[in-house]
N, C-alpha and C. Protein backbone atom coordinates (compact mmCIF):
# COMPACT_ATOMS: atom_id res chain seq x y z
N MET A 1 52.16 44.65 -242.01
CA MET A 1 53.06 45.12 -240.98
C MET A 1 52.28 45.97 -239.99
N ALA A 2 52.40 45.67 -238.71
CA ALA A 2 51.67 46.38 -237.67
C ALA A 2 52.30 47.73 -237.39
N LYS A 3 51.47 48.72 -237.07
CA LYS A 3 51.96 50.05 -236.75
C LYS A 3 52.53 50.06 -235.34
N SER A 4 53.60 50.79 -235.16
CA SER A 4 54.23 50.90 -233.84
C SER A 4 53.46 51.91 -233.00
N ARG A 5 53.17 51.56 -231.76
CA ARG A 5 52.47 52.46 -230.84
C ARG A 5 53.43 53.05 -229.82
N ASP A 6 54.75 52.98 -230.09
CA ASP A 6 55.74 53.48 -229.14
C ASP A 6 55.75 55.00 -229.06
N LYS A 7 55.49 55.68 -230.15
CA LYS A 7 55.55 57.14 -230.16
C LYS A 7 54.17 57.73 -229.88
N ALA A 8 54.17 58.82 -229.12
CA ALA A 8 52.91 59.52 -228.84
C ALA A 8 52.49 60.30 -230.09
N PRO A 9 51.19 60.47 -230.30
CA PRO A 9 50.73 61.24 -231.45
C PRO A 9 51.21 62.69 -231.36
N GLU A 10 51.49 63.28 -232.50
CA GLU A 10 51.93 64.67 -232.54
C GLU A 10 51.02 65.44 -233.49
N LEU A 11 50.52 66.57 -233.03
CA LEU A 11 49.68 67.42 -233.87
C LEU A 11 50.56 68.45 -234.56
N ILE A 12 50.36 68.64 -235.84
CA ILE A 12 51.11 69.63 -236.60
C ILE A 12 50.10 70.57 -237.25
N CYS A 13 50.23 71.84 -236.97
CA CYS A 13 49.29 72.82 -237.51
C CYS A 13 49.50 73.05 -239.00
N VAL A 14 48.41 73.35 -239.67
CA VAL A 14 48.46 73.71 -241.08
C VAL A 14 47.85 75.10 -241.24
N GLY A 15 48.20 75.75 -242.31
CA GLY A 15 47.62 77.07 -242.60
C GLY A 15 47.95 78.09 -241.52
N GLU A 16 46.94 78.82 -241.11
CA GLU A 16 47.10 79.90 -240.13
C GLU A 16 46.66 79.47 -238.73
N ARG A 17 46.76 78.19 -238.44
CA ARG A 17 46.30 77.70 -237.15
C ARG A 17 47.44 77.61 -236.15
N VAL A 18 47.08 77.73 -234.87
CA VAL A 18 48.04 77.60 -233.79
C VAL A 18 47.47 76.68 -232.72
N ILE A 19 48.36 76.03 -231.98
CA ILE A 19 47.96 75.27 -230.81
C ILE A 19 48.51 76.03 -229.61
N VAL A 20 47.61 76.35 -228.68
CA VAL A 20 47.97 77.14 -227.51
C VAL A 20 47.71 76.31 -226.26
N ARG A 21 48.71 76.23 -225.38
CA ARG A 21 48.54 75.55 -224.10
C ARG A 21 48.29 76.63 -223.03
N ARG A 22 47.17 76.47 -222.32
CA ARG A 22 46.80 77.40 -221.27
C ARG A 22 47.85 77.38 -220.16
N VAL A 23 48.18 78.53 -219.62
CA VAL A 23 49.14 78.61 -218.53
C VAL A 23 48.43 79.06 -217.26
N GLU A 24 48.91 78.57 -216.14
CA GLU A 24 48.39 78.99 -214.84
C GLU A 24 49.03 80.32 -214.49
N LEU A 25 48.24 81.24 -214.02
CA LEU A 25 48.75 82.56 -213.68
C LEU A 25 48.86 82.71 -212.17
N SER A 26 49.88 83.41 -211.75
CA SER A 26 50.01 83.74 -210.33
C SER A 26 49.12 84.94 -210.03
N GLU A 27 49.09 85.36 -208.79
CA GLU A 27 48.21 86.48 -208.44
C GLU A 27 48.64 87.77 -209.10
N LYS A 28 49.93 87.95 -209.33
CA LYS A 28 50.40 89.15 -210.00
C LYS A 28 51.44 88.74 -211.03
N PHE A 29 51.33 89.27 -212.22
CA PHE A 29 52.31 88.98 -213.25
C PHE A 29 52.52 90.21 -214.09
N GLY A 30 53.52 90.15 -214.94
CA GLY A 30 53.78 91.26 -215.85
C GLY A 30 54.73 92.29 -215.29
N GLY A 31 55.49 91.94 -214.24
CA GLY A 31 56.47 92.87 -213.70
C GLY A 31 55.80 94.11 -213.13
N ASP A 32 56.16 95.26 -213.63
CA ASP A 32 55.63 96.54 -213.14
C ASP A 32 54.36 96.97 -213.86
N SER A 33 53.78 96.08 -214.66
CA SER A 33 52.60 96.47 -215.44
C SER A 33 51.38 96.69 -214.56
N GLY A 34 51.39 96.10 -213.35
CA GLY A 34 50.26 96.29 -212.44
C GLY A 34 49.08 95.39 -212.73
N ILE A 35 49.24 94.40 -213.60
CA ILE A 35 48.14 93.48 -213.90
C ILE A 35 48.00 92.52 -212.73
N ILE A 36 46.81 92.45 -212.17
CA ILE A 36 46.55 91.56 -211.04
C ILE A 36 45.46 90.58 -211.44
N VAL A 37 45.68 89.32 -211.16
CA VAL A 37 44.72 88.28 -211.49
C VAL A 37 44.31 87.58 -210.21
N LYS A 38 43.02 87.32 -210.05
CA LYS A 38 42.53 86.57 -208.91
C LYS A 38 42.23 85.16 -209.37
N PRO A 39 43.13 84.21 -209.08
CA PRO A 39 42.98 82.85 -209.62
C PRO A 39 41.66 82.18 -209.27
N GLN A 40 41.07 82.47 -208.12
CA GLN A 40 39.81 81.82 -207.76
C GLN A 40 38.71 82.16 -208.76
N GLU A 41 38.75 83.34 -209.33
CA GLU A 41 37.70 83.79 -210.23
C GLU A 41 37.93 83.39 -211.68
N VAL A 42 39.18 83.19 -212.06
CA VAL A 42 39.47 82.94 -213.47
C VAL A 42 40.17 81.62 -213.72
N HIS A 43 40.33 80.80 -212.71
CA HIS A 43 41.11 79.57 -212.86
C HIS A 43 40.60 78.68 -213.97
N ASP A 44 39.29 78.49 -214.08
CA ASP A 44 38.74 77.56 -215.07
C ASP A 44 38.96 78.01 -216.50
N ARG A 45 38.94 79.27 -216.76
CA ARG A 45 39.02 79.76 -218.13
C ARG A 45 40.06 80.84 -218.30
N THR A 46 41.27 80.59 -217.85
CA THR A 46 42.35 81.52 -218.10
C THR A 46 42.53 81.66 -219.60
N CYS A 47 42.66 82.86 -220.07
CA CYS A 47 42.77 83.10 -221.51
C CYS A 47 44.17 83.55 -221.89
N VAL A 48 45.15 83.05 -221.17
CA VAL A 48 46.55 83.31 -221.50
C VAL A 48 47.21 81.96 -221.70
N GLY A 49 48.00 81.85 -222.75
CA GLY A 49 48.67 80.59 -223.02
C GLY A 49 49.95 80.79 -223.79
N VAL A 50 50.63 79.69 -224.02
CA VAL A 50 51.87 79.71 -224.79
C VAL A 50 51.64 78.91 -226.07
N ILE A 51 52.12 79.44 -227.19
CA ILE A 51 51.97 78.77 -228.47
C ILE A 51 52.95 77.61 -228.52
N ILE A 52 52.43 76.39 -228.72
CA ILE A 52 53.31 75.23 -228.81
C ILE A 52 53.51 74.79 -230.27
N ASP A 53 52.66 75.25 -231.17
CA ASP A 53 52.88 74.99 -232.59
C ASP A 53 52.13 76.04 -233.41
N ALA A 54 52.79 76.60 -234.39
CA ALA A 54 52.19 77.58 -235.29
C ALA A 54 52.31 77.07 -236.72
N GLY A 55 51.23 77.20 -237.47
CA GLY A 55 51.22 76.74 -238.85
C GLY A 55 52.14 77.56 -239.75
N PRO A 56 52.44 77.06 -240.94
CA PRO A 56 53.39 77.71 -241.84
C PRO A 56 52.91 79.05 -242.41
N LEU A 57 51.61 79.30 -242.40
CA LEU A 57 51.10 80.56 -242.94
C LEU A 57 50.85 81.63 -241.88
N CYS A 58 51.21 81.37 -240.63
CA CYS A 58 51.05 82.38 -239.58
C CYS A 58 51.99 83.54 -239.87
N THR A 59 51.45 84.76 -239.76
CA THR A 59 52.25 85.93 -240.11
C THR A 59 53.03 86.49 -238.93
N TRP A 60 52.51 86.38 -237.72
CA TRP A 60 53.23 86.95 -236.57
C TRP A 60 53.35 86.01 -235.38
N ALA A 61 52.51 85.01 -235.28
CA ALA A 61 52.55 84.09 -234.14
C ALA A 61 53.74 83.14 -234.28
N GLU A 62 54.46 82.95 -233.17
CA GLU A 62 55.64 82.08 -233.18
C GLU A 62 55.59 81.13 -232.00
N ASN A 63 56.19 79.97 -232.16
CA ASN A 63 56.27 79.02 -231.06
C ASN A 63 56.95 79.66 -229.86
N GLY A 64 56.40 79.41 -228.67
CA GLY A 64 56.99 79.92 -227.44
C GLY A 64 56.45 81.26 -227.00
N GLN A 65 55.70 81.96 -227.84
CA GLN A 65 55.13 83.26 -227.45
C GLN A 65 53.98 83.06 -226.47
N HIS A 66 53.90 83.93 -225.46
CA HIS A 66 52.76 83.96 -224.57
C HIS A 66 51.73 84.90 -225.19
N VAL A 67 50.50 84.42 -225.32
CA VAL A 67 49.45 85.19 -225.98
C VAL A 67 48.18 85.17 -225.14
N PHE A 68 47.28 86.10 -225.43
CA PHE A 68 45.96 86.04 -224.81
C PHE A 68 44.92 85.96 -225.93
N TYR A 69 43.79 85.36 -225.58
CA TYR A 69 42.77 85.05 -226.58
C TYR A 69 41.40 85.08 -225.92
N HIS A 70 40.37 85.17 -226.74
CA HIS A 70 39.00 85.15 -226.23
C HIS A 70 38.69 83.77 -225.69
N ARG A 71 37.95 83.71 -224.65
CA ARG A 71 37.70 82.44 -223.95
C ARG A 71 36.99 81.41 -224.83
N HIS A 72 36.25 81.83 -225.84
CA HIS A 72 35.53 80.88 -226.70
C HIS A 72 36.24 80.63 -228.04
N SER A 73 37.49 81.05 -228.15
CA SER A 73 38.24 80.87 -229.40
C SER A 73 38.62 79.41 -229.62
N GLY A 74 38.57 78.99 -230.85
CA GLY A 74 39.03 77.66 -231.22
C GLY A 74 38.25 76.53 -230.56
N PHE A 75 38.92 75.40 -230.41
CA PHE A 75 38.30 74.26 -229.75
C PHE A 75 39.33 73.54 -228.89
N GLU A 76 38.85 72.92 -227.82
CA GLU A 76 39.75 72.19 -226.92
C GLU A 76 40.15 70.87 -227.55
N ILE A 77 41.37 70.47 -227.30
CA ILE A 77 41.89 69.20 -227.80
C ILE A 77 41.75 68.17 -226.69
N TYR A 78 41.01 67.10 -226.97
CA TYR A 78 40.77 66.05 -225.98
C TYR A 78 41.36 64.73 -226.46
N GLY A 79 41.77 63.92 -225.51
CA GLY A 79 42.12 62.53 -225.80
C GLY A 79 43.45 62.29 -226.46
N ILE A 80 44.32 63.28 -226.52
CA ILE A 80 45.64 63.07 -227.11
C ILE A 80 46.68 63.39 -226.04
N ASP A 81 47.48 62.40 -225.68
CA ASP A 81 48.49 62.59 -224.65
C ASP A 81 49.42 63.73 -225.02
N GLY A 82 49.76 64.53 -224.02
CA GLY A 82 50.67 65.65 -224.23
C GLY A 82 49.99 66.95 -224.63
N TYR A 83 48.67 66.91 -224.82
CA TYR A 83 47.95 68.11 -225.24
C TYR A 83 46.86 68.49 -224.24
N THR A 84 47.15 68.30 -222.96
CA THR A 84 46.21 68.68 -221.90
C THR A 84 46.16 70.21 -221.82
N ASP A 85 44.99 70.76 -221.62
CA ASP A 85 44.78 72.21 -221.54
C ASP A 85 45.20 72.94 -222.81
N CYS A 86 45.03 72.32 -223.97
CA CYS A 86 45.40 72.94 -225.24
C CYS A 86 44.17 73.26 -226.07
N ARG A 87 44.29 74.32 -226.86
CA ARG A 87 43.25 74.72 -227.79
C ARG A 87 43.88 74.91 -229.17
N CYS A 88 43.14 74.55 -230.21
CA CYS A 88 43.55 74.80 -231.58
C CYS A 88 42.67 75.94 -232.10
N MET A 89 43.30 76.97 -232.65
CA MET A 89 42.54 78.13 -233.12
C MET A 89 43.26 78.78 -234.28
N ASN A 90 42.55 79.67 -234.95
CA ASN A 90 43.15 80.46 -236.02
C ASN A 90 44.00 81.56 -235.42
N GLU A 91 45.04 81.94 -236.14
CA GLU A 91 45.91 83.01 -235.68
C GLU A 91 45.12 84.30 -235.43
N ARG A 92 44.11 84.55 -236.24
CA ARG A 92 43.33 85.79 -236.10
C ARG A 92 42.51 85.82 -234.81
N ASP A 93 42.33 84.65 -234.16
CA ASP A 93 41.61 84.60 -232.88
C ASP A 93 42.48 85.03 -231.70
N LEU A 94 43.79 85.14 -231.92
CA LEU A 94 44.67 85.61 -230.86
C LEU A 94 44.50 87.12 -230.75
N LEU A 95 44.38 87.60 -229.53
CA LEU A 95 44.13 89.03 -229.31
C LEU A 95 45.42 89.83 -229.13
N GLY A 96 46.49 89.18 -228.69
CA GLY A 96 47.74 89.89 -228.52
C GLY A 96 48.78 89.04 -227.84
N VAL A 97 49.96 89.65 -227.66
CA VAL A 97 51.10 88.98 -227.04
C VAL A 97 51.27 89.51 -225.62
N VAL A 98 51.59 88.61 -224.70
CA VAL A 98 51.89 89.00 -223.32
C VAL A 98 53.41 88.97 -223.17
N GLU A 99 53.98 90.11 -222.88
CA GLU A 99 55.42 90.18 -222.72
C GLU A 99 55.77 90.19 -221.24
N ASN A 100 56.97 89.74 -220.94
CA ASN A 100 57.51 89.72 -219.57
C ASN A 100 56.64 88.92 -218.61
N LEU A 101 56.08 87.83 -219.07
CA LEU A 101 55.27 86.96 -218.19
C LEU A 101 56.21 86.15 -217.33
N LYS A 102 55.98 86.21 -216.02
CA LYS A 102 56.84 85.48 -215.08
C LYS A 102 56.06 84.47 -214.33
């Protein structure tokens, strides 16, 4: 029996791993926090993203959270539709949560 190719591949995290999709930042974000970003300087390696999947052993990371991480954390996911600008990394590689991101 031939396998159906109708469905796109889906990655599911195991252990303490998360998949983070990089987000584009505007020049100013964070409401009144005063954080200013210059997109021309950081566009290629923005280190802020949204968690699209968190493994079952993650203690604090949750799907949908905006987080920041070190630029060399994890590895980029290539060649799988729907996972453009995504990285797979350990939960411990996340540096923190970004709240009130607009």
